């Protein structure tokens, strides 16, 4: 860890308001990660809302599919018809979802100090971090790894010019003969991201 990252992590730790989450600031165990994916009502964290989040542990070359999380949340605004077509979560589904605080009570200990693996994870953390900061006083201290960037480096820049992120993920899956489980489902996306990560890391 660079001195700048150490300094940032140390500062975030001083802002922590939930002592039970102190272990999130400890150095991670080698060869341990957590793949994360979120479904939202849109792409703008300032006006859209988190609907569901999934997380799966990766230990060495093993994906712990029997011990993952898939949490459906109750947003302050119900999803509209246009976005339901994409993520499949109806008002009836999210109305019985858990609150954001209840979600974080389960999610944050599960993430713990593991590096976060995602496909375009900056979007997911962009929705999670405001909720996390309100809940524990600071944003996620974890290292964040973008499978897109790993794949681009592995391909030596040949992965550039792909029209959209979804096609990019499909391209990675196809390149490594990873089965497509159906996108825009948080758990499926987290699982496919985890499988892609093991190939490109």
N, C-alpha and C. Protein backbone atom coordinates (compact mmCIF):
# COMPACT_ATOMS: atom_id res chain seq x y z
N UNK A 1 0.85 -1.19 0.00
CA UNK A 1 0.00 0.00 0.00
C UNK A 1 0.89 1.24 0.00
N UNK A 2 0.59 2.19 -0.88
CA UNK A 2 1.38 3.41 -0.95
C UNK A 2 1.14 4.27 0.28
N UNK A 3 2.06 5.22 0.52
CA UNK A 3 1.91 6.09 1.69
C UNK A 3 0.64 6.92 1.61
N UNK A 4 0.26 7.31 0.37
CA UNK A 4 -0.95 8.11 0.20
C UNK A 4 -2.20 7.30 0.58
N UNK A 5 -2.24 6.03 0.13
CA UNK A 5 -3.37 5.18 0.48
C UNK A 5 -3.40 4.93 1.98
N UNK A 6 -2.22 4.73 2.58
CA UNK A 6 -2.15 4.53 4.02
C UNK A 6 -2.69 5.74 4.77
N UNK A 7 -2.29 6.93 4.29
CA UNK A 7 -2.74 8.17 4.92
C UNK A 7 -4.26 8.32 4.80
N UNK A 8 -4.78 8.04 3.61
CA UNK A 8 -6.22 8.15 3.38
C UNK A 8 -6.99 7.16 4.26
N UNK A 9 -6.49 5.93 4.32
CA UNK A 9 -7.14 4.91 5.14
C UNK A 9 -7.10 5.30 6.61
N UNK A 10 -5.97 5.81 7.06
CA UNK A 10 -5.85 6.22 8.46
C UNK A 10 -6.82 7.36 8.78
N UNK A 11 -6.94 8.31 7.86
CA UNK A 11 -7.87 9.42 8.07
C UNK A 11 -9.31 8.92 8.12
N UNK A 12 -9.66 8.02 7.20
CA UNK A 12 -11.02 7.47 7.20
C UNK A 12 -11.31 6.75 8.50
N UNK A 13 -10.31 6.06 9.02
CA UNK A 13 -10.51 5.31 10.27
C UNK A 13 -10.84 6.25 11.42
N UNK A 14 -10.26 7.45 11.41
CA UNK A 14 -10.56 8.41 12.48
C UNK A 14 -12.00 8.90 12.39
N UNK A 15 -12.63 8.79 11.20
CA UNK A 15 -14.01 9.24 11.02
C UNK A 15 -15.04 8.16 11.35
N UNK A 16 -14.56 6.95 11.58
CA UNK A 16 -15.45 5.81 11.79
C UNK A 16 -16.30 6.00 13.05
N UNK A 17 -17.60 5.82 12.89
CA UNK A 17 -18.54 5.99 14.00
C UNK A 17 -19.10 4.66 14.49
N UNK A 18 -18.67 3.56 13.90
CA UNK A 18 -19.14 2.23 14.31
C UNK A 18 -17.93 1.35 14.60
N UNK A 19 -17.54 1.26 15.86
CA UNK A 19 -16.32 0.51 16.24
C UNK A 19 -16.36 -0.95 15.79
N UNK A 20 -17.55 -1.52 15.65
CA UNK A 20 -17.63 -2.93 15.24
C UNK A 20 -17.12 -3.16 13.82
N UNK A 21 -16.92 -2.07 13.06
CA UNK A 21 -16.43 -2.19 11.69
C UNK A 21 -14.95 -1.82 11.56
N UNK A 22 -14.25 -1.75 12.67
CA UNK A 22 -12.83 -1.37 12.64
C UNK A 22 -12.00 -2.30 11.76
N UNK A 23 -12.37 -3.58 11.70
CA UNK A 23 -11.58 -4.54 10.92
C UNK A 23 -11.58 -4.22 9.43
N UNK A 24 -12.52 -3.39 8.96
CA UNK A 24 -12.51 -3.01 7.54
C UNK A 24 -11.26 -2.24 7.17
N UNK A 25 -10.58 -1.67 8.17
CA UNK A 25 -9.42 -0.83 7.91
C UNK A 25 -8.10 -1.59 8.06
N UNK A 26 -8.19 -2.88 8.37
CA UNK A 26 -6.99 -3.71 8.50
C UNK A 26 -6.54 -4.18 7.12
N UNK A 27 -5.24 -4.49 6.95
CA UNK A 27 -4.78 -5.02 5.66
C UNK A 27 -5.51 -6.32 5.33
N UNK A 28 -5.92 -6.52 4.09
CA UNK A 28 -6.67 -7.74 3.73
C UNK A 28 -5.78 -8.98 3.72
N UNK A 29 -6.42 -10.11 3.91
CA UNK A 29 -5.72 -11.39 3.77
C UNK A 29 -5.39 -11.59 2.29
N UNK A 30 -4.22 -12.13 2.01
CA UNK A 30 -3.80 -12.35 0.62
C UNK A 30 -4.79 -13.29 -0.09
N UNK A 31 -4.99 -13.03 -1.37
CA UNK A 31 -5.83 -13.88 -2.21
C UNK A 31 -7.29 -13.92 -1.72
N UNK A 32 -7.77 -12.80 -1.21
CA UNK A 32 -9.18 -12.72 -0.81
C UNK A 32 -9.77 -11.43 -1.38
N UNK A 33 -10.94 -11.57 -2.00
CA UNK A 33 -11.63 -10.44 -2.60
C UNK A 33 -13.12 -10.60 -2.38
N UNK A 34 -13.89 -9.58 -2.74
CA UNK A 34 -15.34 -9.70 -2.75
C UNK A 34 -15.86 -9.05 -4.03
N UNK A 35 -16.60 -9.84 -4.83
CA UNK A 35 -17.22 -9.31 -6.05
C UNK A 35 -18.56 -8.71 -5.68
N UNK A 36 -18.83 -7.52 -6.22
CA UNK A 36 -20.04 -6.77 -5.87
C UNK A 36 -20.74 -6.29 -7.14
N UNK A 37 -22.06 -6.30 -7.10
CA UNK A 37 -22.83 -5.66 -8.17
C UNK A 37 -24.11 -5.08 -7.57
N UNK A 38 -24.53 -3.95 -8.11
CA UNK A 38 -25.75 -3.28 -7.63
C UNK A 38 -26.71 -3.05 -8.79
N UNK A 39 -27.98 -3.02 -8.48
CA UNK A 39 -29.00 -2.58 -9.43
C UNK A 39 -29.62 -1.30 -8.90
N UNK A 40 -29.80 -0.34 -9.79
CA UNK A 40 -30.30 0.98 -9.40
C UNK A 40 -31.46 1.40 -10.30
N UNK A 41 -32.16 2.45 -9.90
CA UNK A 41 -33.24 2.97 -10.74
C UNK A 41 -32.71 3.79 -11.90
N UNK A 42 -31.43 4.12 -11.90
CA UNK A 42 -30.79 4.89 -12.96
C UNK A 42 -29.31 4.97 -12.68
N UNK A 43 -28.62 5.83 -13.40
CA UNK A 43 -27.16 5.89 -13.30
C UNK A 43 -26.63 7.09 -12.53
N UNK A 44 -27.50 7.97 -12.09
CA UNK A 44 -27.08 9.20 -11.40
C UNK A 44 -27.34 9.08 -9.90
N UNK A 45 -26.29 8.94 -9.07
CA UNK A 45 -26.49 8.78 -7.63
C UNK A 45 -27.22 9.95 -6.97
N UNK A 46 -27.23 11.11 -7.62
CA UNK A 46 -27.87 12.27 -7.02
C UNK A 46 -29.39 12.24 -7.16
N UNK A 47 -29.90 11.50 -8.13
CA UNK A 47 -31.35 11.49 -8.31
C UNK A 47 -31.95 10.10 -8.43
N UNK A 48 -31.10 9.07 -8.54
CA UNK A 48 -31.60 7.71 -8.63
C UNK A 48 -31.29 6.96 -7.34
N UNK A 49 -31.80 5.72 -7.23
CA UNK A 49 -31.74 5.02 -5.95
C UNK A 49 -31.30 3.57 -6.12
N UNK A 50 -30.64 3.08 -5.09
CA UNK A 50 -30.19 1.69 -5.04
C UNK A 50 -31.38 0.77 -4.82
N UNK A 51 -31.45 -0.31 -5.60
CA UNK A 51 -32.54 -1.28 -5.47
C UNK A 51 -32.07 -2.60 -4.88
N UNK A 52 -30.91 -3.07 -5.28
CA UNK A 52 -30.42 -4.34 -4.77
C UNK A 52 -28.90 -4.37 -4.86
N UNK A 53 -28.31 -5.20 -4.03
CA UNK A 53 -26.85 -5.37 -4.03
C UNK A 53 -26.55 -6.83 -3.77
N UNK A 54 -25.55 -7.34 -4.48
CA UNK A 54 -25.10 -8.72 -4.29
C UNK A 54 -23.60 -8.71 -4.06
N UNK A 55 -23.13 -9.63 -3.24
CA UNK A 55 -21.70 -9.74 -2.95
C UNK A 55 -21.34 -11.21 -2.79
N UNK A 56 -20.19 -11.58 -3.35
CA UNK A 56 -19.72 -12.97 -3.31
C UNK A 56 -18.24 -12.97 -2.98
N UNK A 57 -17.83 -13.80 -2.04
CA UNK A 57 -16.42 -13.92 -1.69
C UNK A 57 -15.65 -14.70 -2.75
N UNK A 58 -14.42 -14.26 -2.99
CA UNK A 58 -13.48 -14.99 -3.83
C UNK A 58 -12.28 -15.30 -2.96
N UNK A 59 -11.95 -16.57 -2.83
CA UNK A 59 -10.82 -17.01 -2.02
C UNK A 59 -9.86 -17.79 -2.89
N UNK A 60 -8.71 -17.18 -3.19
CA UNK A 60 -7.77 -17.83 -4.11
C UNK A 60 -8.42 -17.98 -5.47
N UNK A 61 -8.52 -19.23 -5.94
CA UNK A 61 -9.16 -19.50 -7.23
C UNK A 61 -10.57 -20.04 -7.07
N UNK A 62 -11.17 -19.83 -5.90
CA UNK A 62 -12.49 -20.38 -5.61
C UNK A 62 -13.50 -19.25 -5.36
N UNK A 63 -14.66 -19.38 -5.99
CA UNK A 63 -15.77 -18.46 -5.75
C UNK A 63 -16.72 -19.13 -4.77
N UNK A 64 -16.97 -18.51 -3.65
CA UNK A 64 -17.78 -19.09 -2.59
C UNK A 64 -19.26 -18.82 -2.86
N UNK A 65 -19.81 -19.52 -3.85
CA UNK A 65 -21.19 -19.27 -4.27
C UNK A 65 -22.21 -19.69 -3.21
N UNK A 66 -21.82 -20.56 -2.29
CA UNK A 66 -22.76 -21.01 -1.28
C UNK A 66 -22.89 -20.06 -0.11
N UNK A 67 -22.15 -18.95 -0.15
CA UNK A 67 -22.14 -18.04 0.99
C UNK A 67 -22.22 -16.59 0.55
N UNK A 68 -23.01 -16.32 -0.50
CA UNK A 68 -23.10 -14.97 -1.01
C UNK A 68 -24.28 -14.21 -0.40
N UNK A 69 -24.32 -12.92 -0.68
CA UNK A 69 -25.42 -12.07 -0.27
C UNK A 69 -26.17 -11.57 -1.50
N UNK A 70 -27.48 -11.50 -1.41
CA UNK A 70 -28.29 -10.84 -2.44
C UNK A 70 -29.41 -10.13 -1.70
N UNK A 71 -29.29 -8.82 -1.57
CA UNK A 71 -30.18 -8.04 -0.73
C UNK A 71 -31.01 -7.08 -1.58
N UNK A 72 -32.32 -7.16 -1.44
CA UNK A 72 -33.22 -6.24 -2.12
C UNK A 72 -33.60 -5.14 -1.13
N UNK A 73 -33.46 -3.89 -1.56
CA UNK A 73 -33.67 -2.74 -0.68
C UNK A 73 -34.99 -2.04 -0.99
N UNK A 74 -35.45 -1.31 -0.03
CA UNK A 74 -36.66 -0.50 -0.18
C UNK A 74 -36.25 0.95 -0.41
N UNK A 75 -36.30 1.42 -1.67
CA UNK A 75 -35.85 2.78 -1.97
C UNK A 75 -36.89 3.82 -1.58
N UNK A 76 -36.50 5.08 -1.44
CA UNK A 76 -37.47 6.13 -1.10
C UNK A 76 -38.45 6.42 -2.23
N UNK A 77 -38.07 6.08 -3.46
CA UNK A 77 -38.93 6.27 -4.62
C UNK A 77 -39.02 4.94 -5.36
N UNK A 78 -40.21 4.53 -5.69
CA UNK A 78 -40.39 3.25 -6.37
C UNK A 78 -39.87 3.33 -7.81
N UNK A 79 -39.35 2.21 -8.35
CA UNK A 79 -38.87 2.22 -9.74
C UNK A 79 -40.01 2.42 -10.72
N UNK A 80 -39.70 3.13 -11.82
CA UNK A 80 -40.74 3.35 -12.82
C UNK A 80 -40.74 2.22 -13.85
N UNK A 81 -41.75 2.23 -14.69
CA UNK A 81 -41.97 1.14 -15.64
C UNK A 81 -40.77 0.96 -16.58
N UNK A 82 -40.16 2.07 -17.00
CA UNK A 82 -39.05 1.98 -17.96
C UNK A 82 -37.86 1.22 -17.38
N UNK A 83 -37.54 1.45 -16.11
CA UNK A 83 -36.38 0.78 -15.53
C UNK A 83 -36.71 -0.65 -15.07
N UNK A 84 -37.98 -0.93 -14.78
CA UNK A 84 -38.36 -2.29 -14.39
C UNK A 84 -38.01 -3.28 -15.50
N UNK A 85 -38.16 -2.85 -16.75
CA UNK A 85 -37.83 -3.70 -17.89
C UNK A 85 -36.36 -4.11 -17.85
N UNK A 86 -35.50 -3.23 -17.30
CA UNK A 86 -34.06 -3.51 -17.26
C UNK A 86 -33.69 -4.42 -16.09
N UNK A 87 -34.06 -4.01 -14.88
CA UNK A 87 -33.60 -4.75 -13.70
C UNK A 87 -34.61 -5.77 -13.17
N UNK A 88 -35.86 -5.73 -13.64
CA UNK A 88 -36.83 -6.74 -13.27
C UNK A 88 -37.39 -6.62 -11.87
N UNK A 89 -37.04 -5.55 -11.15
CA UNK A 89 -37.54 -5.37 -9.78
C UNK A 89 -38.75 -4.44 -9.80
N UNK A 90 -39.90 -5.01 -9.46
CA UNK A 90 -41.15 -4.24 -9.47
C UNK A 90 -41.33 -3.53 -8.13
N UNK A 91 -42.27 -2.60 -8.10
CA UNK A 91 -42.58 -1.92 -6.83
C UNK A 91 -42.95 -2.93 -5.76
N UNK A 92 -43.70 -3.97 -6.15
CA UNK A 92 -44.10 -4.99 -5.19
C UNK A 92 -42.89 -5.73 -4.62
N UNK A 93 -41.82 -5.84 -5.39
CA UNK A 93 -40.61 -6.53 -4.92
C UNK A 93 -39.84 -5.67 -3.92
N UNK A 94 -39.67 -4.39 -4.24
CA UNK A 94 -38.83 -3.54 -3.39
C UNK A 94 -39.59 -2.97 -2.19
N UNK A 95 -40.93 -2.95 -2.26
CA UNK A 95 -41.70 -2.47 -1.11
C UNK A 95 -41.48 -3.34 0.12
N UNK A 96 -41.19 -4.62 -0.10
CA UNK A 96 -40.94 -5.53 1.02
C UNK A 96 -39.44 -5.72 1.24
N UNK A 97 -38.63 -4.89 0.58
CA UNK A 97 -37.18 -4.96 0.77
C UNK A 97 -36.77 -4.38 2.11
N UNK A 98 -35.50 -4.54 2.43
CA UNK A 98 -34.98 -4.03 3.70
C UNK A 98 -34.53 -2.58 3.54
N UNK A 99 -34.39 -1.89 4.65
CA UNK A 99 -33.93 -0.50 4.61
C UNK A 99 -32.45 -0.47 4.24
N UNK A 100 -31.96 0.72 3.86
CA UNK A 100 -30.55 0.85 3.52
C UNK A 100 -29.66 0.55 4.73
N UNK A 101 -30.08 0.98 5.92
CA UNK A 101 -29.27 0.69 7.10
C UNK A 101 -29.23 -0.81 7.39
N UNK A 102 -30.36 -1.49 7.21
CA UNK A 102 -30.38 -2.95 7.40
C UNK A 102 -29.49 -3.64 6.37
N UNK A 103 -29.51 -3.13 5.15
CA UNK A 103 -28.65 -3.68 4.10
C UNK A 103 -27.18 -3.54 4.48
N UNK A 104 -26.79 -2.35 4.95
CA UNK A 104 -25.39 -2.10 5.30
C UNK A 104 -24.97 -2.89 6.52
N UNK A 105 -25.89 -3.13 7.42
CA UNK A 105 -25.59 -3.94 8.61
C UNK A 105 -25.17 -5.35 8.22
N UNK A 106 -25.70 -5.85 7.10
CA UNK A 106 -25.33 -7.16 6.60
C UNK A 106 -24.15 -7.09 5.63
N UNK A 107 -24.15 -6.08 4.76
CA UNK A 107 -23.16 -6.00 3.69
C UNK A 107 -21.77 -5.66 4.19
N UNK A 108 -21.64 -4.66 5.05
CA UNK A 108 -20.31 -4.18 5.43
C UNK A 108 -19.47 -5.22 6.17
N UNK A 109 -20.03 -5.97 7.13
CA UNK A 109 -19.21 -7.04 7.72
C UNK A 109 -18.85 -8.13 6.71
N UNK A 110 -19.71 -8.34 5.72
CA UNK A 110 -19.43 -9.34 4.69
C UNK A 110 -18.28 -8.87 3.80
N UNK A 111 -18.28 -7.59 3.43
CA UNK A 111 -17.17 -7.03 2.66
C UNK A 111 -15.90 -7.04 3.51
N UNK A 112 -16.03 -6.57 4.74
CA UNK A 112 -14.91 -6.44 5.69
C UNK A 112 -13.76 -5.71 5.01
N UNK A 113 -12.54 -6.24 5.08
CA UNK A 113 -11.39 -5.54 4.52
C UNK A 113 -10.97 -6.08 3.16
N UNK A 114 -11.82 -6.87 2.54
CA UNK A 114 -11.48 -7.46 1.23
C UNK A 114 -11.47 -6.38 0.13
N UNK A 115 -10.55 -6.45 -0.80
CA UNK A 115 -10.64 -5.59 -1.99
C UNK A 115 -11.94 -5.87 -2.74
N UNK A 116 -12.56 -4.82 -3.24
CA UNK A 116 -13.84 -4.94 -3.95
C UNK A 116 -13.57 -5.11 -5.44
N UNK A 117 -14.15 -6.16 -6.02
CA UNK A 117 -14.02 -6.44 -7.45
C UNK A 117 -15.36 -6.16 -8.11
N UNK A 118 -15.33 -5.43 -9.21
CA UNK A 118 -16.57 -5.15 -9.91
C UNK A 118 -16.33 -4.88 -11.38
N UNK A 119 -17.43 -4.82 -12.13
CA UNK A 119 -17.37 -4.39 -13.52
C UNK A 119 -17.89 -2.96 -13.53
N UNK A 120 -17.00 -2.02 -13.82
CA UNK A 120 -17.31 -0.60 -13.65
C UNK A 120 -17.76 -0.34 -12.21
N UNK A 121 -16.94 -0.75 -11.22
CA UNK A 121 -17.35 -0.66 -9.81
C UNK A 121 -17.51 0.77 -9.31
N UNK A 122 -16.94 1.73 -10.02
CA UNK A 122 -17.09 3.13 -9.61
C UNK A 122 -18.56 3.53 -9.58
N UNK A 123 -19.35 2.93 -10.46
CA UNK A 123 -20.79 3.22 -10.47
C UNK A 123 -21.44 2.65 -9.21
N UNK A 124 -21.11 1.41 -8.88
CA UNK A 124 -21.68 0.78 -7.68
C UNK A 124 -21.28 1.53 -6.42
N UNK A 125 -19.99 1.84 -6.29
CA UNK A 125 -19.53 2.54 -5.09
C UNK A 125 -20.05 3.98 -5.05
N UNK A 126 -20.35 4.54 -6.23
CA UNK A 126 -20.94 5.87 -6.27
C UNK A 126 -22.30 5.91 -5.61
N UNK A 127 -23.04 4.79 -5.68
CA UNK A 127 -24.33 4.70 -4.99
C UNK A 127 -24.15 4.25 -3.54
N UNK A 128 -23.20 3.36 -3.30
CA UNK A 128 -23.02 2.83 -1.95
C UNK A 128 -22.39 3.85 -1.00
N UNK A 129 -21.38 4.58 -1.47
CA UNK A 129 -20.60 5.42 -0.55
C UNK A 129 -21.41 6.49 0.19
N UNK A 130 -22.36 7.18 -0.44
CA UNK A 130 -23.15 8.14 0.34
C UNK A 130 -23.94 7.46 1.47
N UNK A 131 -24.45 6.27 1.20
CA UNK A 131 -25.17 5.51 2.24
C UNK A 131 -24.21 5.03 3.32
N UNK A 132 -23.03 4.56 2.89
CA UNK A 132 -22.03 4.07 3.84
C UNK A 132 -21.55 5.20 4.74
N UNK A 133 -21.30 6.37 4.15
CA UNK A 133 -20.81 7.50 4.95
C UNK A 133 -21.83 7.92 6.00
N UNK A 134 -23.09 7.94 5.62
CA UNK A 134 -24.12 8.31 6.58
C UNK A 134 -24.24 7.26 7.69
N UNK A 135 -24.00 6.00 7.33
CA UNK A 135 -24.16 4.89 8.28
C UNK A 135 -22.98 4.77 9.25
N UNK A 136 -21.74 4.91 8.73
CA UNK A 136 -20.59 4.67 9.61
C UNK A 136 -19.62 5.85 9.71
N UNK A 137 -19.95 6.97 9.06
CA UNK A 137 -19.15 8.17 9.23
C UNK A 137 -18.09 8.39 8.20
N UNK A 138 -17.84 7.40 7.35
CA UNK A 138 -16.82 7.53 6.31
C UNK A 138 -17.18 6.60 5.16
N UNK A 139 -16.53 6.80 4.03
CA UNK A 139 -16.79 5.96 2.86
C UNK A 139 -16.01 4.66 2.95
N UNK A 140 -16.27 3.77 2.02
CA UNK A 140 -15.59 2.47 2.00
C UNK A 140 -14.08 2.65 1.92
N UNK A 141 -13.31 2.02 2.80
CA UNK A 141 -11.86 2.15 2.75
C UNK A 141 -11.20 1.13 1.83
N UNK A 142 -11.97 0.24 1.26
CA UNK A 142 -11.43 -0.90 0.52
C UNK A 142 -10.81 -0.49 -0.81
N UNK A 143 -9.78 -1.23 -1.22
CA UNK A 143 -9.28 -1.12 -2.58
C UNK A 143 -10.38 -1.55 -3.54
N UNK A 144 -10.49 -0.87 -4.69
CA UNK A 144 -11.52 -1.19 -5.68
C UNK A 144 -10.82 -1.61 -6.98
N UNK A 145 -11.20 -2.76 -7.51
CA UNK A 145 -10.57 -3.34 -8.71
C UNK A 145 -11.62 -3.42 -9.81
N UNK A 146 -11.31 -2.85 -10.96
CA UNK A 146 -12.22 -2.83 -12.10
C UNK A 146 -11.80 -3.92 -13.09
N UNK A 147 -12.66 -4.91 -13.29
CA UNK A 147 -12.36 -6.01 -14.21
C UNK A 147 -12.14 -5.49 -15.63
N UNK A 148 -12.84 -4.41 -16.01
CA UNK A 148 -12.64 -3.83 -17.34
C UNK A 148 -11.20 -3.43 -17.56
N UNK A 149 -10.63 -2.75 -16.56
CA UNK A 149 -9.25 -2.28 -16.68
C UNK A 149 -8.27 -3.44 -16.71
N UNK A 150 -8.51 -4.47 -15.91
CA UNK A 150 -7.64 -5.64 -15.93
C UNK A 150 -7.67 -6.30 -17.30
N UNK A 151 -8.86 -6.41 -17.88
CA UNK A 151 -9.00 -7.05 -19.18
C UNK A 151 -8.32 -6.21 -20.26
N UNK A 152 -8.47 -4.90 -20.19
CA UNK A 152 -7.84 -4.02 -21.16
C UNK A 152 -6.33 -4.16 -21.12
N UNK A 153 -5.77 -4.22 -19.91
CA UNK A 153 -4.31 -4.40 -19.79
C UNK A 153 -3.88 -5.77 -20.29
N UNK A 154 -4.68 -6.79 -19.98
CA UNK A 154 -4.36 -8.14 -20.44
C UNK A 154 -4.34 -8.22 -21.96
N UNK A 155 -5.26 -7.47 -22.59
CA UNK A 155 -5.36 -7.49 -24.05
C UNK A 155 -4.44 -6.48 -24.70
N UNK A 156 -3.67 -5.76 -23.91
CA UNK A 156 -2.72 -4.80 -24.47
C UNK A 156 -3.38 -3.66 -25.20
N UNK A 157 -4.55 -3.22 -24.70
CA UNK A 157 -5.24 -2.10 -25.34
C UNK A 157 -6.18 -2.51 -26.43
N UNK A 158 -6.20 -3.80 -26.80
CA UNK A 158 -7.08 -4.24 -27.88
C UNK A 158 -8.54 -4.25 -27.48
N UNK A 159 -8.82 -4.04 -26.18
CA UNK A 159 -10.21 -4.02 -25.71
C UNK A 159 -10.86 -2.66 -25.86
N UNK A 160 -10.14 -1.70 -26.44
CA UNK A 160 -10.69 -0.36 -26.59
C UNK A 160 -11.70 -0.34 -27.73
N UNK A 161 -12.57 0.66 -27.69
CA UNK A 161 -13.49 0.87 -28.80
C UNK A 161 -14.74 0.02 -28.76
N UNK A 162 -15.00 -0.64 -27.64
CA UNK A 162 -16.21 -1.43 -27.52
C UNK A 162 -17.37 -0.48 -27.22
N UNK A 163 -18.48 -0.59 -27.95
CA UNK A 163 -19.52 0.43 -27.90
C UNK A 163 -20.13 0.69 -26.54
N UNK A 164 -20.35 -0.33 -25.72
CA UNK A 164 -21.02 -0.10 -24.45
C UNK A 164 -20.48 -1.04 -23.39
N UNK A 165 -20.72 -0.69 -22.12
CA UNK A 165 -20.21 -1.49 -21.03
C UNK A 165 -20.79 -2.90 -21.04
N UNK A 166 -22.09 -3.02 -21.35
CA UNK A 166 -22.70 -4.34 -21.33
C UNK A 166 -22.06 -5.24 -22.39
N UNK A 167 -21.80 -4.67 -23.58
CA UNK A 167 -21.15 -5.45 -24.62
C UNK A 167 -19.72 -5.79 -24.20
N UNK A 168 -19.10 -4.91 -23.47
CA UNK A 168 -17.75 -5.16 -22.99
C UNK A 168 -17.75 -6.37 -22.06
N UNK A 169 -18.68 -6.44 -21.12
CA UNK A 169 -18.77 -7.58 -20.23
C UNK A 169 -19.05 -8.85 -21.02
N UNK A 170 -19.97 -8.77 -21.97
CA UNK A 170 -20.26 -9.93 -22.81
C UNK A 170 -19.03 -10.39 -23.56
N UNK A 171 -18.22 -9.43 -23.99
CA UNK A 171 -17.00 -9.77 -24.73
C UNK A 171 -16.02 -10.52 -23.83
N UNK A 172 -15.89 -10.06 -22.60
CA UNK A 172 -14.99 -10.75 -21.66
C UNK A 172 -15.50 -12.16 -21.38
N UNK A 173 -16.79 -12.28 -21.15
CA UNK A 173 -17.36 -13.60 -20.88
C UNK A 173 -17.14 -14.54 -22.07
N UNK A 174 -17.39 -14.02 -23.28
CA UNK A 174 -17.21 -14.85 -24.47
C UNK A 174 -15.75 -15.23 -24.68
N UNK A 175 -14.86 -14.29 -24.41
CA UNK A 175 -13.42 -14.53 -24.61
C UNK A 175 -12.94 -15.71 -23.77
N UNK A 176 -13.49 -15.85 -22.56
CA UNK A 176 -13.04 -16.92 -21.66
C UNK A 176 -14.05 -18.06 -21.55
N UNK A 177 -15.02 -18.10 -22.47
CA UNK A 177 -16.04 -19.15 -22.47
C UNK A 177 -16.76 -19.25 -21.13
N UNK A 178 -17.05 -18.09 -20.55
CA UNK A 178 -17.80 -18.04 -19.30
C UNK A 178 -19.28 -17.97 -19.65
N UNK A 179 -20.10 -18.84 -19.06
CA UNK A 179 -21.53 -18.81 -19.40
C UNK A 179 -22.19 -17.51 -18.95
N UNK A 180 -23.05 -16.98 -19.81
CA UNK A 180 -23.79 -15.77 -19.45
C UNK A 180 -25.05 -16.18 -18.68
N UNK A 181 -25.18 -15.71 -17.48
CA UNK A 181 -26.25 -16.15 -16.59
C UNK A 181 -27.49 -15.27 -16.66
N UNK A 182 -27.41 -14.20 -17.43
CA UNK A 182 -28.51 -13.25 -17.48
C UNK A 182 -28.12 -12.00 -16.73
N UNK A 183 -27.94 -10.91 -17.48
CA UNK A 183 -27.45 -9.68 -16.87
C UNK A 183 -28.58 -8.90 -16.21
N UNK A 184 -28.19 -7.84 -15.49
CA UNK A 184 -29.11 -6.95 -14.77
C UNK A 184 -29.85 -7.69 -13.65
N UNK A 185 -29.22 -8.74 -13.15
CA UNK A 185 -29.60 -9.35 -11.88
C UNK A 185 -28.34 -9.26 -11.03
N UNK A 186 -28.44 -8.61 -9.87
CA UNK A 186 -27.23 -8.29 -9.11
C UNK A 186 -26.40 -9.53 -8.78
N UNK A 187 -27.06 -10.62 -8.37
CA UNK A 187 -26.29 -11.82 -8.00
C UNK A 187 -25.63 -12.44 -9.21
N UNK A 188 -26.37 -12.57 -10.31
CA UNK A 188 -25.77 -13.12 -11.53
C UNK A 188 -24.60 -12.28 -12.01
N UNK A 189 -24.77 -10.96 -11.99
CA UNK A 189 -23.70 -10.07 -12.43
C UNK A 189 -22.48 -10.17 -11.53
N UNK A 190 -22.70 -10.27 -10.22
CA UNK A 190 -21.57 -10.42 -9.30
C UNK A 190 -20.85 -11.74 -9.55
N UNK A 191 -21.60 -12.80 -9.80
CA UNK A 191 -20.99 -14.11 -10.06
C UNK A 191 -20.21 -14.10 -11.37
N UNK A 192 -20.78 -13.52 -12.42
CA UNK A 192 -20.06 -13.46 -13.70
C UNK A 192 -18.82 -12.58 -13.59
N UNK A 193 -18.93 -11.49 -12.84
CA UNK A 193 -17.78 -10.62 -12.61
C UNK A 193 -16.67 -11.38 -11.87
N UNK A 194 -17.05 -12.17 -10.87
CA UNK A 194 -16.07 -12.96 -10.12
C UNK A 194 -15.37 -13.96 -11.04
N UNK A 195 -16.13 -14.62 -11.91
CA UNK A 195 -15.54 -15.59 -12.84
C UNK A 195 -14.59 -14.90 -13.81
N UNK A 196 -15.02 -13.75 -14.33
CA UNK A 196 -14.15 -13.00 -15.24
C UNK A 196 -12.87 -12.56 -14.53
N UNK A 197 -13.00 -12.12 -13.29
CA UNK A 197 -11.83 -11.66 -12.52
C UNK A 197 -10.80 -12.77 -12.38
N UNK A 198 -11.24 -13.98 -12.11
CA UNK A 198 -10.28 -15.08 -11.93
C UNK A 198 -9.50 -15.36 -13.21
N UNK A 199 -10.12 -15.03 -14.36
CA UNK A 199 -9.42 -15.25 -15.65
C UNK A 199 -8.44 -14.10 -15.94
N UNK A 200 -8.80 -12.87 -15.61
CA UNK A 200 -7.99 -11.73 -16.06
C UNK A 200 -7.00 -11.25 -15.02
N UNK A 201 -7.11 -11.68 -13.76
CA UNK A 201 -6.24 -11.13 -12.71
C UNK A 201 -4.79 -11.56 -12.91
